[in-house]
C-alpha atoms as a PDB file:
ATOM      1  CA  MET A   1      39.417 157.379  62.713  1.00  0.00           C
ATOM      2  CA  GLU A   2      42.092 159.952  62.122  1.00  0.00           C
ATOM      3  CA  LEU A   3      44.930 160.541  59.700  1.00  0.00           C
ATOM      4  CA  LEU A   4      48.315 161.115  61.282  1.00  0.00           C
ATOM      5  CA  ILE A   5      50.743 163.132  59.169  1.00  0.00           C
ATOM      6  CA  ILE A   6      54.306 163.665  60.324  1.00  0.00           C
ATOM      7  CA  ILE A   7      56.544 165.990  58.325  1.00  0.00           C
ATOM      8  CA  LEU A   8      60.000 165.319  59.689  1.00  0.00           C
ATOM      9  CA  ASN A   9      62.765 167.806  59.012  1.00  0.00           C
ATOM     10  CA  LYS A  10      65.388 166.169  61.253  1.00  0.00           C
ATOM     11  CA  SER A  11      66.257 163.031  59.316  1.00  0.00           C
ATOM     12  CA  GLU A  12      68.359 161.730  62.212  1.00  0.00           C
ATOM     13  CA  TYR A  13      65.075 161.063  64.064  1.00  0.00           C
ATOM     14  CA  PHE A  14      63.550 159.007  61.241  1.00  0.00           C
ATOM     15  CA  GLU A  15      64.505 155.475  62.337  1.00  0.00           C
ATOM     16  CA  LYS A  16      63.616 156.216  65.964  1.00  0.00           C
ATOM     17  CA  ILE A  17      60.214 157.587  64.951  1.00  0.00           C
ATOM     18  CA  ILE A  18      59.505 154.497  62.830  1.00  0.00           C
ATOM     19  CA  SER A  19      60.356 152.348  65.877  1.00  0.00           C
ATOM     20  CA  ILE A  20      58.108 154.469  68.082  1.00  0.00           C
ATOM     21  CA  LEU A  21      55.230 154.148  65.598  1.00  0.00           C
ATOM     22  CA  VAL A  22      55.509 150.357  65.669  1.00  0.00           C
ATOM     23  CA  GLU A  23      55.829 150.284  69.466  1.00  0.00           C
ATOM     24  CA  ALA A  24      52.710 152.465  69.731  1.00  0.00           C
ATOM     25  CA  GLY A  25      50.785 149.980  67.565  1.00  0.00           C
ATOM     26  CA  ILE A  26      50.945 151.879  64.281  1.00  0.00           C
ATOM     27  CA  THR A  27      52.165 149.331  61.760  1.00  0.00           C
ATOM     28  CA  GLY A  28      50.408 150.480  58.583  1.00  0.00           C
ATOM     29  CA  ALA A  29      52.324 153.724  58.092  1.00  0.00           C
ATOM     30  CA  THR A  30      53.622 154.936  54.752  1.00  0.00           C
ATOM     31  CA  PHE A  31      56.532 157.302  54.271  1.00  0.00           C
ATOM     32  CA  PHE A  32      57.959 159.241  51.366  1.00  0.00           C
ATOM     33  CA  GLU A  33      60.538 161.910  50.592  1.00  0.00           C
ATOM     34  CA  SER A  34      59.115 165.414  50.486  1.00  0.00           C
ATOM     35  CA  GLU A  35      60.291 168.969  49.931  1.00  0.00           C
ATOM     36  CA  GLY A  36      58.884 172.292  51.068  1.00  0.00           C
ATOM     37  CA  VAL A  37      57.675 174.791  48.490  1.00  0.00           C
ATOM     38  CA  GLY A  38      60.007 177.505  49.803  1.00  0.00           C
ATOM     39  CA  HIS A  39      63.056 175.301  49.383  1.00  0.00           C
ATOM     40  CA  TYR A  40      61.950 174.226  45.926  1.00  0.00           C
ATOM     41  CA  LEU A  41      61.463 177.815  44.803  1.00  0.00           C
ATOM     42  CA  ALA A  42      64.808 178.931  46.226  1.00  0.00           C
ATOM     43  CA  PHE A  43      66.854 176.205  44.565  1.00  0.00           C
ATOM     44  CA  GLU A  44      64.906 175.296  41.425  1.00  0.00           C
ATOM     45  CA  ILE A  45      63.343 178.558  40.202  1.00  0.00           C
ATOM     46  CA  PRO A  46      66.053 181.150  39.444  1.00  0.00           C
ATOM     47  CA  ILE A  47      63.863 184.187  40.083  1.00  0.00           C
ATOM     48  CA  PHE A  48      63.526 183.113  43.743  1.00  0.00           C
ATOM     49  CA  ALA A  49      67.253 182.468  44.313  1.00  0.00           C
ATOM     50  CA  GLY A  50      67.300 185.226  46.939  1.00  0.00           C
ATOM     51  CA  LEU A  51      65.401 182.881  49.251  1.00  0.00           C
ATOM     52  CA  ARG A  52      68.435 180.564  49.476  1.00  0.00           C
ATOM     53  CA  GLN A  53      69.804 182.467  52.442  1.00  0.00           C
ATOM     54  CA  PHE A  54      66.953 181.056  54.539  1.00  0.00           C
ATOM     55  CA  PHE A  55      67.747 177.388  53.821  1.00  0.00           C
ATOM     56  CA  GLN A  56      70.565 174.967  54.499  1.00  0.00           C
ATOM     57  CA  GLU A  57      72.354 174.317  51.212  1.00  0.00           C
ATOM     58  CA  GLY A  58      72.660 170.529  51.489  1.00  0.00           C
ATOM     59  CA  LYS A  59      69.267 169.835  53.064  1.00  0.00           C
ATOM     60  CA  THR A  60      66.682 169.323  50.355  1.00  0.00           C
ATOM     61  CA  ARG A  61      64.367 166.601  51.575  1.00  0.00           C
ATOM     62  CA  ASN A  62      62.074 165.857  54.459  1.00  0.00           C
ATOM     63  CA  LYS A  63      60.375 162.607  55.347  1.00  0.00           C
ATOM     64  CA  THR A  64      56.603 162.605  55.400  1.00  0.00           C
ATOM     65  CA  ILE A  65      54.951 159.749  57.277  1.00  0.00           C
ATOM     66  CA  THR A  66      51.225 159.017  57.105  1.00  0.00           C
ATOM     67  CA  ALA A  67      49.078 156.528  58.989  1.00  0.00           C
ATOM     68  CA  VAL A  68      45.399 155.970  59.682  1.00  0.00           C
ATOM     69  CA  LEU A  69      44.662 155.658  63.398  1.00  0.00           C
ATOM     70  CA  ASP A  70      41.553 153.856  64.540  1.00  0.00           C
ATOM     71  CA  LYS A  71      41.933 154.516  68.290  1.00  0.00           C
ATOM     72  CA  GLU A  72      42.785 157.718  70.159  1.00  0.00           C
ATOM     73  CA  GLU A  73      44.857 155.815  72.735  1.00  0.00           C
ATOM     74  CA  ILE A  74      47.298 154.787  69.987  1.00  0.00           C
ATOM     75  CA  TYR A  75      48.023 158.460  69.297  1.00  0.00           C
ATOM     76  CA  THR A  76      48.361 159.196  73.010  1.00  0.00           C
ATOM     77  CA  ASN A  77      50.797 156.302  73.345  1.00  0.00           C
ATOM     78  CA  PHE A  78      52.760 157.601  70.344  1.00  0.00           C
ATOM     79  CA  LYS A  79      53.060 161.088  71.883  1.00  0.00           C
ATOM     80  CA  ASN A  80      54.174 159.628  75.224  1.00  0.00           C
ATOM     81  CA  LEU A  81      56.860 157.532  73.528  1.00  0.00           C
ATOM     82  CA  LEU A  82      58.110 160.609  71.640  1.00  0.00           C
ATOM     83  CA  ALA A  83      58.437 162.432  74.966  1.00  0.00           C
ATOM     84  CA  GLU A  84      60.335 159.496  76.508  1.00  0.00           C
ATOM     85  CA  GLU A  85      62.828 159.691  73.625  1.00  0.00           C
ATOM     86  CA  ASN A  86      63.114 163.491  73.976  1.00  0.00           C
ATOM     87  CA  ILE A  87      61.810 164.088  70.463  1.00  0.00           C
ATOM     88  CA  ASP A  88      60.061 167.434  70.750  1.00  0.00           C
ATOM     89  CA  PHE A  89      58.213 168.726  67.698  1.00  0.00           C
ATOM     90  CA  THR A  90      57.772 172.116  69.399  1.00  0.00           C
ATOM     91  CA  GLU A  91      61.521 172.700  68.985  1.00  0.00           C
ATOM     92  CA  PRO A  92      62.569 174.643  65.865  1.00  0.00           C
ATOM     93  CA  GLY A  93      63.528 172.564  62.853  1.00  0.00           C
ATOM     94  CA  VAL A  94      62.168 169.182  64.026  1.00  0.00           C
ATOM     95  CA  GLY A  95      59.025 169.164  61.926  1.00  0.00           C
ATOM     96  CA  VAL A  96      55.284 169.084  62.391  1.00  0.00           C
ATOM     97  CA  ILE A  97      52.664 166.535  63.432  1.00  0.00           C
ATOM     98  CA  ILE A  98      49.138 166.871  62.058  1.00  0.00           C
ATOM     99  CA  LYS A  99      46.112 164.799  63.024  1.00  0.00           C
ATOM    100  CA  VAL A 100      42.895 165.179  61.032  1.00  0.00           C
ATOM    101  CA  PRO A 101      39.551 163.361  61.129  1.00  0.00           C
ATOM    102  CA  VAL A 102      38.904 160.672  58.517  1.00  0.00           C
ATOM    103  CA  ASN A 103      35.319 159.952  57.512  1.00  0.00           C
ATOM    104  CA  GLU A 104      35.938 156.803  55.537  1.00  0.00           C
ATOM    105  CA  VAL A 105      38.684 154.352  54.637  1.00  0.00           C
ATOM    106  CA  ILE A 106      38.189 151.834  51.862  1.00  0.00           C
ATOM    107  CA  LYS A 107      40.666 148.974  51.982  1.00  0.00           C
ATOM    108  CA  SER A 108      41.005 145.234  51.856  1.00  0.00           C
ATOM    109  CA  LYS A 109      39.730 143.381  54.907  1.00  0.00           C
ATOM    110  CA  ALA A 110      43.073 141.560  55.006  1.00  0.00           C
ATOM    111  CA  ASN A 111      44.851 144.845  55.942  1.00  0.00           C
END
């Protein structure tokens, strides 16, 4: 098993990525609003206000999506569907995808 973490900076891709996750067989994902530490410091801590020049003024939030994957082919399918939709996380500003091993998941058998 693996944990898939997607930190999405381009919010216009959010609905498409949710659709791709479902199409790839990932239906148990969770998402939440998130914010980078650099942005937080620049806009919330006055001493770091000089960092503001590196950030877009109106953009404060990202979407972070997490899901536990139990089969490698699901992840492969997900990546292929991203490519078909021309969503390229290697492009600047799109975001990052992280996949890490999971040793154990404790959950209801109904899930």
